[in-house]
Protein backbone atom coordinates (compact mmCIF):
# COMPACT_ATOMS: atom_id res chain seq x y z
CA UNK A 1 -55.23 -142.69 -59.66
CA UNK A 2 -58.85 -141.60 -60.06
CA UNK A 3 -61.30 -144.06 -61.62
CA UNK A 4 -63.45 -142.34 -64.26
CA UNK A 5 -66.26 -144.07 -66.13
CA UNK A 6 -65.89 -143.86 -69.93
CA UNK A 7 -69.19 -141.97 -70.27
CA UNK A 8 -68.29 -139.34 -67.65
CA UNK A 9 -66.93 -135.92 -68.63
CA UNK A 10 -64.08 -134.46 -66.59
CA UNK A 11 -63.04 -131.11 -68.01
CA UNK A 12 -59.39 -130.09 -68.31
CA UNK A 13 -58.43 -128.13 -65.19
CA UNK A 14 -60.47 -130.27 -62.79
CA UNK A 15 -58.37 -131.76 -60.01
CA UNK A 16 -59.24 -135.16 -58.57
CA UNK A 17 -57.44 -136.61 -55.58
CA UNK A 18 -56.18 -140.14 -55.19
CA UNK A 19 -58.75 -142.92 -55.36
CA UNK A 20 -61.57 -140.63 -56.50
CA UNK A 21 -64.35 -142.27 -58.49
CA UNK A 22 -66.58 -140.66 -61.12
CA UNK A 23 -69.62 -142.65 -62.26
CA UNK A 24 -71.38 -142.89 -65.62
CA UNK A 25 -72.78 -139.78 -67.29
CA UNK A 26 -71.47 -137.43 -64.59
CA UNK A 27 -69.93 -134.05 -65.36
CA UNK A 28 -67.00 -132.47 -63.49
CA UNK A 29 -66.30 -128.85 -64.45
CA UNK A 30 -62.88 -127.26 -64.97
CA UNK A 31 -62.85 -125.40 -61.64
CA UNK A 32 -63.76 -128.39 -59.47
CA UNK A 33 -61.31 -129.80 -56.91
CA UNK A 34 -62.09 -133.07 -55.16
CA UNK A 35 -60.02 -134.43 -52.28
CA UNK A 36 -58.81 -137.99 -51.98
CA UNK A 37 -61.41 -140.74 -51.84
CA UNK A 38 -64.40 -138.75 -53.11
CA UNK A 39 -67.03 -140.78 -54.93
CA UNK A 40 -69.26 -139.20 -57.59
CA UNK A 41 -72.12 -141.49 -58.60
CA UNK A 42 -74.04 -141.59 -61.88
CA UNK A 43 -75.53 -138.49 -63.51
CA UNK A 44 -74.09 -135.96 -61.07
CA UNK A 45 -73.11 -132.40 -62.06
CA UNK A 46 -70.32 -130.55 -60.25
CA UNK A 47 -69.59 -127.23 -61.88
CA UNK A 48 -68.45 -123.71 -61.11
CA UNK A 49 -65.68 -123.23 -58.57
CA UNK A 50 -66.16 -126.10 -56.12
CA UNK A 51 -63.56 -127.20 -53.59
CA UNK A 52 -64.38 -130.38 -51.67
CA UNK A 53 -62.35 -132.18 -49.04
CA UNK A 54 -61.78 -135.90 -48.71
CA UNK A 55 -64.16 -138.87 -48.81
CA UNK A 56 -67.29 -136.99 -49.85
CA UNK A 57 -69.99 -139.12 -51.49
CA UNK A 58 -72.24 -137.63 -54.19
CA UNK A 59 -74.63 -140.54 -54.64
CA UNK A 60 -76.58 -139.84 -57.86
CA UNK A 61 -78.25 -136.94 -59.71
CA UNK A 62 -76.57 -134.49 -57.33
CA UNK A 63 -76.02 -130.94 -58.64
CA UNK A 64 -73.60 -128.77 -56.68
CA UNK A 65 -71.76 -125.58 -57.50
CA UNK A 66 -74.45 -124.13 -59.75
CA UNK A 67 -74.87 -120.35 -59.98
CA UNK A 68 -76.89 -118.73 -57.21
CA UNK A 69 -80.62 -118.40 -57.76
CA UNK A 70 -80.48 -114.66 -57.10
CA UNK A 71 -81.75 -112.13 -59.64
CA UNK A 72 -78.88 -109.76 -58.77
CA UNK A 73 -76.25 -112.33 -59.77
CA UNK A 74 -74.41 -111.22 -62.88
CA UNK A 75 -71.97 -114.04 -63.48
CA UNK A 76 -69.33 -112.90 -61.00
CA UNK A 77 -66.79 -115.52 -59.86
CA UNK A 78 -68.04 -117.09 -56.61
CA UNK A 79 -67.49 -120.46 -55.00
CA UNK A 80 -68.72 -123.40 -52.96
CA UNK A 81 -66.44 -124.88 -50.29
CA UNK A 82 -67.25 -128.33 -48.91
CA UNK A 83 -65.49 -130.07 -46.03
CA UNK A 84 -64.83 -133.81 -45.71
CA UNK A 85 -66.85 -136.98 -45.11
CA UNK A 86 -70.20 -135.60 -46.26
CA UNK A 87 -72.91 -137.63 -47.99
CA UNK A 88 -75.15 -136.06 -50.63
CA UNK A 89 -78.08 -138.28 -51.57
CA UNK A 90 -80.28 -138.25 -54.67
CA UNK A 91 -81.14 -134.89 -56.30
CA UNK A 92 -79.44 -132.71 -53.67
CA UNK A 93 -78.71 -129.18 -54.94
CA UNK A 94 -76.23 -126.68 -53.48
CA UNK A 95 -75.43 -123.29 -55.04
CA UNK A 96 -72.38 -121.04 -54.94
CA UNK A 97 -72.28 -117.69 -53.15
CA UNK A 98 -72.97 -114.17 -54.36
CA UNK A 99 -70.66 -111.18 -54.26
CA UNK A 100 -72.99 -109.28 -51.94
CA UNK A 101 -73.04 -112.27 -49.57
CA UNK A 102 -69.27 -112.68 -49.40
CA UNK A 103 -68.90 -114.87 -52.46
CA UNK A 104 -68.74 -118.23 -50.69
CA UNK A 105 -71.25 -120.90 -49.69
CA UNK A 106 -69.77 -123.27 -47.08
CA UNK A 107 -70.57 -126.82 -46.02
CA UNK A 108 -68.82 -128.34 -43.01
CA UNK A 109 -67.75 -131.91 -42.30
CA UNK A 110 -69.63 -135.18 -41.77
CA UNK A 111 -73.04 -133.85 -42.82
CA UNK A 112 -75.84 -135.94 -44.31
CA UNK A 113 -78.02 -134.41 -47.01
CA UNK A 114 -80.95 -136.70 -47.74
CA UNK A 115 -82.77 -136.76 -51.07
CA UNK A 116 -83.98 -133.47 -52.59
CA UNK A 117 -82.51 -131.24 -49.88
CA UNK A 118 -81.31 -127.83 -51.03
CA UNK A 119 -78.82 -125.22 -49.81
CA UNK A 120 -79.04 -121.81 -51.46
CA UNK A 121 -76.35 -119.19 -51.99
CA UNK A 122 -74.15 -117.78 -49.22
CA UNK A 123 -75.18 -120.30 -46.57
CA UNK A 124 -72.81 -121.54 -43.87
CA UNK A 125 -73.57 -125.08 -42.68
CA UNK A 126 -71.63 -126.43 -39.71
CA UNK A 127 -70.34 -129.93 -38.97
CA UNK A 128 -72.54 -133.02 -38.39
CA UNK A 129 -75.71 -131.34 -39.73
CA UNK A 130 -78.52 -133.62 -40.90
CA UNK A 131 -80.93 -132.57 -43.65
CA UNK A 132 -83.91 -134.89 -43.94
CA UNK A 133 -85.62 -135.34 -47.32
CA UNK A 134 -86.57 -132.03 -48.90
CA UNK A 135 -85.03 -129.85 -46.18
CA UNK A 136 -84.37 -126.42 -47.71
CA UNK A 137 -82.30 -123.37 -46.84
CA UNK A 138 -82.87 -120.00 -48.50
CA UNK A 139 -79.89 -117.70 -48.99
CA UNK A 140 -77.59 -116.41 -46.25
CA UNK A 141 -78.68 -118.96 -43.62
CA UNK A 142 -76.26 -120.03 -40.88
CA UNK A 143 -76.70 -123.53 -39.45
CA UNK A 144 -74.81 -124.56 -36.33
CA UNK A 145 -73.17 -127.88 -35.51
CA UNK A 146 -75.24 -131.06 -35.08
CA UNK A 147 -78.49 -129.35 -36.11
CA UNK A 148 -81.31 -131.31 -37.75
CA UNK A 149 -83.44 -129.85 -40.56
CA UNK A 150 -86.63 -131.91 -40.74
CA UNK A 151 -88.17 -133.32 -43.89
CA UNK A 152 -89.91 -130.78 -46.15
CA UNK A 153 -88.90 -127.90 -43.86
CA UNK A 154 -87.80 -124.51 -45.20
CA UNK A 155 -85.68 -121.85 -43.51
CA UNK A 156 -86.12 -118.20 -44.53
CA UNK A 157 -83.14 -116.21 -45.76
CA UNK A 158 -80.83 -114.61 -43.17
CA UNK A 159 -82.07 -116.88 -40.37
CA UNK A 160 -79.72 -118.60 -37.94
CA UNK A 161 -80.16 -122.16 -36.69
CA UNK A 162 -78.35 -122.86 -33.42
CA UNK A 163 -76.10 -125.78 -32.50
CA UNK A 164 -78.00 -129.02 -31.82
CA UNK A 165 -81.29 -127.41 -32.87
CA UNK A 166 -84.05 -129.72 -34.07
CA UNK A 167 -86.54 -128.50 -36.69
CA UNK A 168 -89.52 -130.82 -37.04
CA UNK A 169 -90.79 -131.98 -40.42
CA UNK A 170 -92.91 -129.63 -42.51
CA UNK A 171 -91.90 -126.49 -40.60
CA UNK A 172 -91.66 -123.05 -42.22
CA UNK A 173 -89.00 -121.13 -40.29
CA UNK A 174 -89.02 -117.33 -40.52
CA UNK A 175 -87.04 -116.47 -37.38
CA UNK A 176 -83.90 -117.77 -35.68
CA UNK A 177 -84.07 -121.33 -34.31
CA UNK A 178 -82.87 -121.85 -30.75
CA UNK A 179 -80.02 -124.26 -30.01
CA UNK A 180 -80.74 -127.53 -28.13
CA UNK A 181 -84.51 -127.02 -28.51
CA UNK A 182 -87.22 -128.68 -30.63
CA UNK A 183 -89.03 -126.27 -32.98
CA UNK A 184 -92.04 -127.21 -35.12
CA UNK A 185 -94.70 -125.20 -36.93
CA UNK A 186 -96.28 -123.59 -39.96
CA UNK A 187 -95.21 -120.24 -41.40
CA UNK A 188 -95.17 -117.55 -38.73
CA UNK A 189 -96.51 -119.99 -36.14
CA UNK A 190 -93.42 -122.00 -35.24
CA UNK A 191 -93.52 -123.20 -31.65
CA UNK A 192 -90.87 -124.58 -29.35
CA UNK A 193 -91.44 -127.83 -27.52
CA UNK A 194 -88.77 -128.06 -24.86
CA UNK A 195 -85.19 -129.25 -24.82
CA UNK A 196 -84.38 -132.00 -27.31
CA UNK A 197 -83.52 -134.35 -24.46
CA UNK A 198 -83.39 -137.62 -26.37
CA UNK A 199 -81.33 -136.15 -29.19
CA UNK A 200 -78.85 -134.58 -26.78
CA UNK A 201 -78.57 -137.81 -24.80
CA UNK A 202 -77.69 -139.62 -28.01
CA UNK A 203 -74.98 -137.03 -28.63
CA UNK A 204 -73.45 -137.78 -25.24
CA UNK A 205 -74.55 -134.76 -23.20
CA UNK A 206 -74.24 -135.54 -19.47
CA UNK A 207 -77.30 -135.39 -17.15
CA UNK A 208 -76.01 -132.27 -15.37
CA UNK A 209 -75.92 -130.33 -18.64
CA UNK A 210 -79.42 -131.50 -19.59
CA UNK A 211 -80.72 -130.45 -16.17
CA UNK A 212 -79.15 -127.01 -16.60
CA UNK A 213 -80.69 -126.60 -20.06
CA UNK A 214 -84.12 -127.64 -18.77
CA UNK A 215 -83.83 -125.12 -15.92
CA UNK A 216 -82.83 -122.42 -18.39
CA UNK A 217 -85.80 -123.29 -20.60
CA UNK A 218 -88.20 -122.92 -17.67
CA UNK A 219 -86.80 -119.51 -16.76
CA UNK A 220 -86.67 -118.22 -20.32
CA UNK A 221 -89.97 -119.50 -21.69
CA UNK A 222 -92.23 -120.70 -18.89
CA UNK A 223 -91.79 -117.96 -16.30
CA UNK A 224 -93.65 -114.67 -16.50
CA UNK A 225 -90.48 -112.63 -16.66
CA UNK A 226 -89.80 -110.24 -19.51
CA UNK A 227 -87.21 -111.72 -21.86
CA UNK A 228 -84.45 -109.34 -20.75
CA UNK A 229 -85.16 -110.19 -17.13
CA UNK A 230 -85.24 -113.91 -17.91
CA UNK A 231 -81.94 -113.69 -19.76
CA UNK A 232 -80.30 -111.88 -16.86
CA UNK A 233 -81.59 -114.41 -14.35
CA UNK A 234 -80.55 -117.37 -16.51
CA UNK A 235 -77.09 -115.94 -16.97
CA UNK A 236 -76.74 -115.22 -13.27
CA UNK A 237 -77.89 -118.66 -12.10
CA UNK A 238 -76.72 -120.94 -14.89
CA UNK A 239 -74.24 -118.97 -16.97
CA UNK A 240 -71.35 -121.11 -15.73
CA UNK A 241 -72.67 -123.96 -17.93
CA UNK A 242 -71.21 -123.41 -21.44
CA UNK A 243 -74.32 -124.66 -23.23
CA UNK A 244 -76.57 -122.31 -21.27
CA UNK A 245 -74.19 -119.41 -21.86
CA UNK A 246 -74.36 -120.12 -25.59
CA UNK A 247 -78.17 -120.27 -25.51
CA UNK A 248 -78.33 -116.88 -23.77
CA UNK A 249 -75.83 -115.37 -26.19
CA UNK A 250 -77.73 -116.76 -29.18
CA UNK A 251 -80.96 -115.06 -28.04
CA UNK A 252 -79.26 -111.76 -27.32
CA UNK A 253 -77.47 -111.69 -30.67
CA UNK A 254 -80.49 -112.71 -32.76
CA UNK A 255 -81.20 -110.26 -35.57
CA UNK A 256 -84.51 -111.68 -36.80
CA UNK A 257 -86.00 -112.62 -33.43
CA UNK A 258 -86.41 -116.19 -32.25
CA UNK A 259 -88.96 -118.93 -32.85
CA UNK A 260 -90.69 -119.47 -29.51
């Protein structure tokens, strides 16, 4: 049975899994579904069509499932889909999708959203992503697995952030962010600062993979080759390493250009 504080409001139609908790003064809308073991702290608002997996923690003053902040939105039915084992800290906000963006905003599994972070409409956030305090996504942003969005950083709409990417604090990102690489900078001036070696070591990447990524970085960004030539050479010499192959593919498929 769910445990609901007497001052909380859970609308008819809401579905709460076993051992869910809803704290004081929180509101759960009629289209909200929470999996087993979810914990909603005090003064949280979950409304609109929200489907969340198991063991998510909404700590306090969290607002998820609100309508998209898009002037073209006309009240159409859209949704927010959240995986399992995520933590949403104080004052986190996440919006639903828009019809023109596919109608769904998605959050993966085992992510940490620190205080005041924000995910706008139609975003797709992968597993194990970390948002530091005030990290912000505009609409239609794709974030890969194990990425880190630094404190007070903002990512422009329609950008892609690669797997294991690291965005330093206070960055304004207007182009795609390379996987495995550290990116820091002001608007339009974001710079890359090499492979995120320490972060990848902590994630268990073996030395051979790190060596291959460092070699790829030197070819792609430190040689005097044109980018197409550098990509071809990297693929030829190091394309057998899956992480390098993904890095090359990410650059080739970028629609907004890359931060470099």
